[in-house]
Amino acid sequence: MFFSFSAARDSGCTLTRGYPALRACFTALVSGISTVAAFGQILPSQGTTPSAPDEWLFGTGPSWYYRASPSPVPREVGFRKPTSEEAEVVRKAEALLAGSSGKAMALISGNEVVWAGFKPPASRSRLFMGFSMGKTVTALAVGKAICAGKLKLDSLAGDLLPELNATDLGAASVRDLLRMTSGTWEGNRDSTVWSREEREAVDSGRSNWLQFLATSKAGTAEKAVFGKRKPGSDFHYHSTAPLTLGLMLQAATGATYARWVEDEVLHAMGTSSPAIVGQDRKEYGQADGTVRMTFDDWVRFAVWVKESHTAPGCFGDYVRELSKVQVTDRAKTGRIGFLGYGYLTWIGTLPTPNSFWAVGYGGQRIAWNPSNGRILIVFSNVENYMDEVAKLYGEWAKIP
């Protein structure tokens, strides 16, 4: 077992916080947590179950991450009391939050929060790391670039990033990457695609995310029965696709990934507080899941996506495609309880087959029901009660 100081930095644990804080970070990261390189595990877990300790879930990330400003026009968050029919689901949500590793939950109907609950140290104003819910943020940022005429679904990675032309990854299109069908190395079992040493090189500034993809195993194709696996066929969920899309956004728009997300997603959705978007020291975005926002701003995000799904025009059309099944490999999508995969977004559960989900490591979830605008948000420490979350959302989503 090893203790990764790059992991500690990413979780908000730094040497400058003093020995007691560092000791607490160390204890949280190694007590019952697997970070064993031989098993291909970089992110924390409890046994084989994905885990997001408080030091990760509420951490602010390293100093070189981008600090995004609030929107010039913040969106108002509405609140109302539950109806008698909703009150029974709220009661079950309260019990699930109290009896699980959940730290924060909300039930939303349309544009209004019907119920929200928190367990210390969570609160409405505290920053929450979305983990891979940030992949859906990246997908939305890509949609904005497509609708602005700066990117196309058939744009190839190698055309925008010449550094990738010598790799198999260079042949993957935006559509392939959004669908997680680049054909490249499947990655570690926690979906990361770097080793401890490669991450240390990026964190120290000796490398960056573009150099990493151009020179690492992540850019190489998996072997198939008849040679190399081609883009556009097999689904494999890993960090390569969103990392590449973040770099393509930067090349296509002329803005860093973080600033494009700030302008086209965070400000568009109406954030009211500063947010944090991951990037390396050269300002190449870590687009696979490093977005941190307050709970209220995650609510704003959820409502904005719901509204975008019903909006006319290019971006509305794109969000509707994002939320449709693009990949039907149930053997793989079903491993974490979903019926399919869209654009960096999971599609459908058995209780709610028409829903779509932003999913983050360790038990972070946002669920949308397009038919009636009912939304569920969950932040957690351990991803060990997601079947119960899906069942709860099934009850919430079926209310007219």
Protein backbone atom coordinates (compact mmCIF):
# COMPACT_ATOMS: atom_id res chain seq x y z
CA MET A 1 0.00 0.00 0.00
CA PHE A 2 1.22 3.51 -0.73
CA PHE A 3 0.12 6.99 0.24
CA SER A 4 -0.07 9.29 -2.78
CA PHE A 5 0.69 12.92 -2.02
CA SER A 6 -0.79 13.86 -5.40
CA ALA A 7 -4.01 12.22 -4.21
CA ALA A 8 -3.72 14.11 -0.94
CA ARG A 9 -3.35 17.40 -2.79
CA ASP A 10 -6.34 16.65 -4.98
CA SER A 11 -8.46 15.92 -1.92
CA GLY A 12 -7.48 19.17 -0.23
CA CYS A 13 -4.90 17.58 2.11
CA THR A 14 -1.72 19.61 2.04
CA LEU A 15 1.37 19.86 4.18
CA THR A 16 0.57 23.50 4.86
CA ARG A 17 -2.52 22.51 6.83
CA GLY A 18 -0.35 21.28 9.69
CA TYR A 19 0.37 17.91 11.23
CA PRO A 20 -3.04 17.23 12.84
CA ALA A 21 -4.88 17.94 9.57
CA LEU A 22 -2.38 15.92 7.56
CA ARG A 23 -2.66 13.02 9.99
CA ALA A 24 -6.46 13.12 9.64
CA CYS A 25 -6.13 13.13 5.86
CA PHE A 26 -3.68 10.23 5.97
CA THR A 27 -5.94 8.23 8.26
CA ALA A 28 -9.00 8.80 6.07
CA LEU A 29 -7.13 7.86 2.93
CA VAL A 30 -5.52 4.66 4.17
CA SER A 31 -7.87 3.31 6.86
CA GLY A 32 -9.91 0.71 5.03
CA ILE A 33 -9.02 2.31 1.69
CA SER A 34 -7.35 0.47 -1.16
CA THR A 35 -4.85 2.46 -3.20
CA VAL A 36 -2.76 -0.46 -4.35
CA ALA A 37 -1.10 0.04 -7.71
CA ALA A 38 -0.92 -3.70 -8.38
CA PHE A 39 -4.72 -3.82 -8.40
CA GLY A 40 -5.03 -0.87 -10.75
CA GLN A 41 -6.73 1.21 -8.07
CA ILE A 42 -5.88 4.92 -7.77
CA LEU A 43 -9.03 6.38 -6.22
CA PRO A 44 -9.98 5.45 -2.62
CA SER A 45 -12.25 2.51 -1.85
CA GLN A 46 -13.51 0.49 1.09
CA GLY A 47 -12.64 -3.01 0.01
CA THR A 48 -13.92 -3.06 -3.57
CA THR A 49 -16.56 -0.37 -2.99
CA PRO A 50 -15.82 3.15 -4.34
CA SER A 51 -15.35 5.64 -1.53
CA ALA A 52 -15.26 9.44 -1.27
CA PRO A 53 -13.96 10.39 2.19
CA ASP A 54 -14.83 13.85 3.46
CA GLU A 55 -11.30 15.02 2.64
CA TRP A 56 -12.04 14.25 -1.03
CA LEU A 57 -15.74 15.11 -1.15
CA PHE A 58 -15.29 18.54 0.43
CA GLY A 59 -11.68 19.24 -0.58
CA THR A 60 -10.86 22.30 -2.67
CA GLY A 61 -8.14 20.77 -4.80
CA PRO A 62 -4.60 22.05 -5.41
CA SER A 63 -3.75 25.72 -5.79
CA TRP A 64 -3.38 25.54 -9.59
CA TYR A 65 -7.00 24.52 -10.15
CA TYR A 66 -9.11 27.25 -11.73
CA ARG A 67 -11.31 29.31 -9.43
CA ALA A 68 -14.42 30.24 -11.42
CA SER A 69 -16.37 33.39 -10.63
CA PRO A 70 -20.10 33.40 -9.86
CA SER A 71 -22.48 34.10 -12.71
CA PRO A 72 -23.22 37.78 -13.38
CA VAL A 73 -26.91 36.80 -13.23
CA PRO A 74 -27.37 34.15 -10.51
CA ARG A 75 -30.38 31.89 -10.81
CA GLU A 76 -32.87 32.00 -7.95
CA VAL A 77 -33.44 28.70 -6.18
CA GLY A 78 -37.07 28.11 -5.29
CA PHE A 79 -38.25 26.15 -2.26
CA ARG A 80 -41.70 24.83 -1.36
CA LYS A 81 -43.26 22.39 1.07
CA PRO A 82 -44.06 18.86 -0.12
CA THR A 83 -47.58 17.88 -1.05
CA SER A 84 -49.21 15.02 0.86
CA GLU A 85 -48.18 12.58 -1.90
CA GLU A 86 -44.61 13.88 -1.90
CA ALA A 87 -44.34 13.82 1.90
CA GLU A 88 -44.12 10.01 2.01
CA VAL A 89 -41.15 10.01 -0.39
CA VAL A 90 -39.53 12.81 1.63
CA ARG A 91 -39.90 10.67 4.77
CA LYS A 92 -38.12 7.79 3.03
CA ALA A 93 -35.40 10.15 1.80
CA GLU A 94 -34.80 11.41 5.34
CA ALA A 95 -34.49 7.84 6.59
CA LEU A 96 -32.13 6.87 3.75
CA LEU A 97 -29.88 9.86 4.41
CA ALA A 98 -29.78 9.13 8.14
CA GLY A 99 -29.04 5.43 7.71
CA SER A 100 -26.48 5.56 4.90
CA SER A 101 -23.16 7.14 3.95
CA GLY A 102 -25.09 9.95 2.29
CA LYS A 103 -23.97 13.46 3.18
CA ALA A 104 -26.52 15.53 1.27
CA MET A 105 -29.71 14.87 -0.69
CA ALA A 106 -32.37 16.89 -2.42
CA LEU A 107 -35.70 16.15 -4.07
CA ILE A 108 -36.64 18.70 -6.74
CA SER A 109 -39.79 19.16 -8.75
CA GLY A 110 -39.46 21.42 -11.76
CA ASN A 111 -37.58 24.49 -10.57
CA GLU A 112 -38.32 24.07 -6.85
CA VAL A 113 -36.53 22.20 -4.09
CA VAL A 114 -39.16 20.25 -2.17
CA TRP A 115 -36.74 18.81 0.40
CA ALA A 116 -33.01 18.93 1.12
CA GLY A 117 -31.11 17.23 3.94
CA PHE A 118 -27.51 17.32 5.16
CA LYS A 119 -25.20 15.56 7.60
CA PRO A 120 -22.11 17.31 9.03
CA PRO A 121 -19.89 18.63 7.67
CA ALA A 122 -22.16 19.06 4.63
CA SER A 123 -24.22 22.21 4.19
CA ARG A 124 -25.90 24.15 1.40
CA SER A 125 -22.98 26.56 1.06
CA ARG A 126 -20.13 24.05 1.22
CA LEU A 127 -18.26 22.99 -1.93
CA PHE A 128 -18.99 19.45 -3.10
CA MET A 129 -16.76 17.59 -5.54
CA GLY A 130 -18.90 15.93 -8.21
CA PHE A 131 -16.25 13.39 -9.22
CA SER A 132 -17.41 11.92 -12.56
CA MET A 133 -20.58 13.99 -12.55
CA GLY A 134 -18.07 16.40 -14.08
CA LYS A 135 -18.06 14.18 -17.18
CA THR A 136 -21.62 15.31 -17.84
CA VAL A 137 -20.42 18.90 -17.35
CA THR A 138 -17.79 18.22 -20.03
CA ALA A 139 -20.42 16.75 -22.36
CA LEU A 140 -22.53 19.89 -21.98
CA ALA A 141 -19.49 22.09 -22.64
CA VAL A 142 -18.88 20.10 -25.83
CA GLY A 143 -22.48 20.68 -26.86
CA LYS A 144 -22.05 24.42 -26.42
CA ALA A 145 -18.96 24.32 -28.66
CA ILE A 146 -20.83 22.33 -31.31
CA CYS A 147 -23.72 24.78 -31.27
CA ALA A 148 -21.25 27.69 -31.54
CA GLY A 149 -19.82 26.12 -34.71
CA LYS A 150 -16.42 25.51 -33.14
CA LEU A 151 -16.59 21.70 -33.02
CA LYS A 152 -18.37 18.86 -34.83
CA LEU A 153 -19.40 15.39 -33.74
CA ASP A 154 -17.14 13.95 -36.44
CA SER A 155 -14.11 16.12 -35.55
CA LEU A 156 -11.11 13.86 -34.95
CA ALA A 157 -8.83 14.19 -31.95
CA GLY A 158 -5.70 14.12 -34.12
CA ASP A 159 -6.98 16.90 -36.37
CA LEU A 160 -7.34 19.30 -33.45
CA LEU A 161 -4.43 17.94 -31.41
CA PRO A 162 -1.52 17.09 -33.76
CA GLU A 163 0.37 15.66 -30.78
CA LEU A 164 -2.10 12.74 -30.84
CA ASN A 165 -1.66 11.90 -34.53
CA ALA A 166 0.96 9.29 -33.71
CA THR A 167 -1.38 7.58 -31.24
CA ASP A 168 -4.42 5.37 -31.78
CA LEU A 169 -6.43 7.93 -29.83
CA GLY A 170 -5.93 10.45 -32.62
CA ALA A 171 -8.41 8.54 -34.82
CA ALA A 172 -11.28 8.89 -32.31
CA SER A 173 -14.04 11.37 -33.11
CA VAL A 174 -15.94 13.63 -30.74
CA ARG A 175 -18.89 11.23 -31.06
CA ASP A 176 -16.66 8.25 -30.20
CA LEU A 177 -15.32 10.04 -27.15
CA LEU A 178 -18.74 11.17 -25.92
CA ARG A 179 -19.91 7.55 -26.16
CA MET A 180 -16.77 6.10 -24.49
CA THR A 181 -16.00 4.09 -27.62
CA SER A 182 -12.50 5.37 -28.46
CA GLY A 183 -11.11 1.84 -28.63
CA THR A 184 -8.19 2.75 -26.36
CA TRP A 185 -6.81 1.08 -23.24
CA GLU A 186 -9.53 0.19 -20.76
CA GLY A 187 -7.67 1.73 -17.83
CA ASN A 188 -7.50 0.96 -14.13
CA ARG A 189 -10.43 -0.71 -12.42
CA ASP A 190 -11.53 2.64 -10.94
CA SER A 191 -11.70 4.15 -14.49
CA THR A 192 -8.54 6.26 -14.11
CA VAL A 193 -5.91 5.77 -16.82
CA TRP A 194 -2.70 6.96 -15.15
CA SER A 195 -0.19 5.41 -12.81
CA ARG A 196 0.94 6.99 -9.57
CA GLU A 197 4.15 8.13 -11.27
CA GLU A 198 2.31 9.64 -14.25
CA ARG A 199 -0.02 11.59 -11.99
CA GLU A 200 2.91 12.85 -9.93
CA ALA A 201 4.56 14.06 -13.14
CA VAL A 202 1.46 16.04 -14.12
CA ASP A 203 0.95 17.45 -10.63
CA SER A 204 4.58 18.55 -10.37
CA GLY A 205 4.53 20.26 -13.77
CA ARG A 206 7.06 17.87 -15.32
CA SER A 207 4.27 16.75 -17.65
CA ASN A 208 0.75 17.88 -18.57
CA TRP A 209 -2.46 16.20 -19.69
CA LEU A 210 -1.69 16.61 -23.41
CA GLN A 211 1.78 15.13 -23.03
CA PHE A 212 0.33 12.34 -20.93
CA LEU A 213 -2.19 11.31 -23.58
CA ALA A 214 0.42 11.58 -26.34
CA THR A 215 2.96 9.36 -24.62
CA SER A 216 1.13 7.00 -22.23
CA LYS A 217 -0.68 3.70 -22.57
CA ALA A 218 -3.95 5.64 -22.42
CA GLY A 219 -3.52 6.67 -26.06
CA THR A 220 -3.02 3.13 -27.39
CA ALA A 221 -5.70 0.84 -28.78
CA GLU A 222 -6.77 -2.31 -27.01
CA LYS A 223 -6.10 -5.54 -28.90
CA ALA A 224 -9.07 -7.16 -30.62
CA VAL A 225 -9.47 -10.57 -32.25
CA PHE A 226 -8.28 -9.21 -35.59
CA GLY A 227 -5.71 -6.59 -34.68
CA LYS A 228 -6.33 -3.32 -32.86
CA ARG A 229 -9.72 -2.27 -31.55
CA LYS A 230 -11.16 0.49 -33.75
CA PRO A 231 -12.91 3.64 -32.52
CA GLY A 232 -16.69 3.57 -32.48
CA SER A 233 -17.27 -0.03 -31.48
CA ASP A 234 -16.69 -1.29 -27.94
CA PHE A 235 -17.81 0.67 -24.87
CA HIS A 236 -15.29 1.06 -22.08
CA TYR A 237 -15.80 3.63 -19.33
CA HIS A 238 -12.59 5.48 -18.43
CA SER A 239 -10.99 8.91 -18.08
CA THR A 240 -9.34 9.02 -21.51
CA ALA A 241 -12.43 10.22 -23.37
CA PRO A 242 -13.31 13.28 -21.23
CA LEU A 243 -9.63 14.24 -20.85
CA THR A 244 -9.30 14.25 -24.64
CA LEU A 245 -12.52 16.19 -25.12
CA GLY A 246 -11.29 18.83 -22.67
CA LEU A 247 -8.14 19.29 -24.72
CA MET A 248 -10.13 19.39 -27.97
CA LEU A 249 -12.37 22.09 -26.51
CA GLN A 250 -9.32 24.19 -25.73
CA ALA A 251 -7.94 23.77 -29.25
CA ALA A 252 -11.30 24.46 -30.91
CA THR A 253 -12.44 27.43 -28.82
CA GLY A 254 -9.19 29.18 -27.99
CA ALA A 255 -10.21 29.24 -24.32
CA THR A 256 -8.92 26.94 -21.62
CA TYR A 257 -11.27 24.12 -20.68
CA ALA A 258 -11.91 25.74 -17.29
CA ARG A 259 -12.80 29.14 -18.76
CA TRP A 260 -15.04 27.60 -21.42
CA VAL A 261 -16.87 25.68 -18.69
CA GLU A 262 -17.10 28.85 -16.61
CA ASP A 263 -18.59 30.90 -19.45
CA GLU A 264 -20.75 28.32 -21.22
CA VAL A 265 -21.93 26.12 -18.35
CA LEU A 266 -21.44 27.73 -14.94
CA HIS A 267 -22.46 31.25 -15.92
CA ALA A 268 -25.19 29.95 -18.24
CA MET A 269 -26.75 27.97 -15.40
CA GLY A 270 -26.52 30.94 -13.02
CA THR A 271 -24.08 30.01 -10.24
CA SER A 272 -24.22 32.22 -7.18
CA SER A 273 -20.87 31.24 -5.61
CA PRO A 274 -17.30 30.64 -6.80
CA ALA A 275 -16.66 27.16 -8.20
CA ILE A 276 -13.49 25.15 -8.87
CA VAL A 277 -12.58 23.44 -12.16
CA GLY A 278 -9.58 21.11 -12.37
CA GLN A 279 -6.62 21.79 -14.63
CA ASP A 280 -2.89 21.12 -14.64
CA ARG A 281 -0.16 23.70 -14.13
CA LYS A 282 -0.17 24.46 -17.88
CA GLU A 283 -3.95 25.10 -17.75
CA TYR A 284 -4.89 21.95 -19.65
CA GLY A 285 -8.21 20.84 -18.20
CA GLN A 286 -8.72 17.71 -16.17
CA ALA A 287 -12.11 17.18 -17.74
CA ASP A 288 -12.89 13.75 -16.32
CA GLY A 289 -14.47 14.92 -13.07
CA THR A 290 -12.96 17.70 -10.95
CA VAL A 291 -15.80 20.25 -10.80
CA ARG A 292 -16.58 21.55 -7.33
CA MET A 293 -19.64 23.68 -6.58
CA THR A 294 -21.79 24.52 -3.60
CA PHE A 295 -24.80 22.29 -3.07
CA ASP A 296 -27.11 25.12 -4.11
CA ASP A 297 -25.15 25.53 -7.34
CA TRP A 298 -25.41 21.80 -8.06
CA VAL A 299 -29.16 22.34 -7.67
CA ARG A 300 -28.93 25.18 -10.19
CA PHE A 301 -27.00 22.90 -12.53
CA ALA A 302 -29.66 20.20 -12.26
CA VAL A 303 -32.49 22.64 -12.97
CA TRP A 304 -30.59 24.17 -15.91
CA VAL A 305 -30.06 20.76 -17.50
CA LYS A 306 -33.77 19.99 -17.02
CA GLU A 307 -34.72 23.25 -18.71
CA SER A 308 -32.18 22.74 -21.51
CA HIS A 309 -33.67 19.32 -22.22
CA THR A 310 -36.99 20.93 -23.19
CA ALA A 311 -35.55 24.01 -24.92
CA PRO A 312 -35.82 24.49 -28.70
CA GLY A 313 -32.78 24.91 -30.91
CA CYS A 314 -29.34 23.39 -31.27
CA PHE A 315 -28.40 23.04 -27.62
CA GLY A 316 -31.77 21.61 -26.64
CA ASP A 317 -31.45 19.07 -29.45
CA TYR A 318 -27.98 18.17 -28.21
CA VAL A 319 -29.10 17.68 -24.59
CA ARG A 320 -31.91 15.42 -25.81
CA GLU A 321 -29.32 13.33 -27.67
CA LEU A 322 -27.05 13.35 -24.60
CA SER A 323 -29.88 11.80 -22.58
CA LYS A 324 -30.69 9.03 -25.08
CA VAL A 325 -29.17 5.57 -25.14
CA GLN A 326 -26.13 5.72 -27.41
CA VAL A 327 -24.56 2.50 -26.09
CA THR A 328 -26.59 -0.62 -25.31
CA ASP A 329 -23.88 -2.90 -23.92
CA ARG A 330 -25.91 -4.04 -20.90
CA ALA A 331 -23.15 -6.40 -19.78
CA LYS A 332 -21.06 -3.32 -19.00
CA THR A 333 -23.57 -0.55 -18.24
CA GLY A 334 -25.53 -2.89 -15.98
CA ARG A 335 -22.58 -3.39 -13.65
CA ILE A 336 -23.50 -0.21 -11.80
CA GLY A 337 -27.22 -0.51 -12.40
CA PHE A 338 -27.89 1.37 -15.65
CA LEU A 339 -29.61 0.34 -18.86
CA GLY A 340 -27.36 2.22 -21.26
CA TYR A 341 -25.01 5.14 -21.85
CA GLY A 342 -25.52 8.46 -23.64
CA TYR A 343 -23.01 11.30 -24.01
CA LEU A 344 -20.79 10.99 -20.89
CA THR A 345 -24.07 10.38 -19.05
CA TRP A 346 -25.74 7.18 -17.82
CA ILE A 347 -29.22 6.26 -19.01
CA GLY A 348 -32.06 4.54 -17.19
CA THR A 349 -32.50 2.23 -14.22
CA LEU A 350 -35.07 -0.52 -13.83
CA PRO A 351 -37.29 1.69 -11.60
CA THR A 352 -36.95 4.63 -14.04
CA PRO A 353 -35.97 3.39 -17.53
CA ASN A 354 -36.47 6.79 -19.18
CA SER A 355 -34.32 8.73 -16.72
CA PHE A 356 -30.77 9.97 -17.25
CA TRP A 357 -28.05 10.30 -14.63
CA ALA A 358 -24.86 12.20 -13.90
CA VAL A 359 -22.83 9.69 -11.89
CA GLY A 360 -19.80 10.34 -9.69
CA TYR A 361 -17.37 7.99 -7.99
CA GLY A 362 -18.18 7.17 -4.38
CA GLY A 363 -21.95 7.67 -4.61
CA GLN A 364 -22.57 11.06 -6.23
CA ARG A 365 -25.73 11.18 -8.34
CA ILE A 366 -28.08 13.56 -10.16
CA ALA A 367 -31.13 11.95 -11.77
CA TRP A 368 -33.54 13.57 -14.23
CA ASN A 369 -36.97 12.35 -15.36
CA PRO A 370 -37.69 14.13 -18.68
CA SER A 371 -41.42 13.40 -18.56
CA ASN A 372 -42.19 15.47 -15.44
CA GLY A 373 -39.04 17.33 -14.41
CA ARG A 374 -38.49 15.50 -11.13
CA ILE A 375 -34.86 15.48 -10.01
CA LEU A 376 -32.87 13.78 -7.26
CA ILE A 377 -29.41 14.86 -6.04
CA VAL A 378 -27.20 12.75 -3.76
CA PHE A 379 -23.67 13.20 -2.39
CA SER A 380 -22.09 10.34 -0.46
CA ASN A 381 -18.99 8.93 1.23
CA VAL A 382 -19.39 5.33 0.05
CA GLU A 383 -21.10 3.93 -3.04
CA ASN A 384 -22.80 1.10 -1.17
CA TYR A 385 -26.48 2.05 -1.20
CA MET A 386 -27.12 3.11 -4.80
CA ASP A 387 -29.82 0.46 -5.34
CA GLU A 388 -31.78 2.17 -2.58
CA VAL A 389 -31.16 5.56 -4.21
CA ALA A 390 -32.49 4.22 -7.52
CA LYS A 391 -35.58 2.84 -5.75
CA LEU A 392 -36.15 6.15 -3.95
CA TYR A 393 -35.87 8.06 -7.20
CA GLY A 394 -38.28 5.61 -8.83
CA GLU A 395 -40.89 6.59 -6.27
CA TRP A 396 -40.13 10.31 -6.66
CA ALA A 397 -40.16 10.18 -10.47
CA LYS A 398 -43.53 8.42 -10.73
CA ILE A 399 -45.39 11.22 -8.95
CA PRO A 400 -47.23 13.21 -11.67
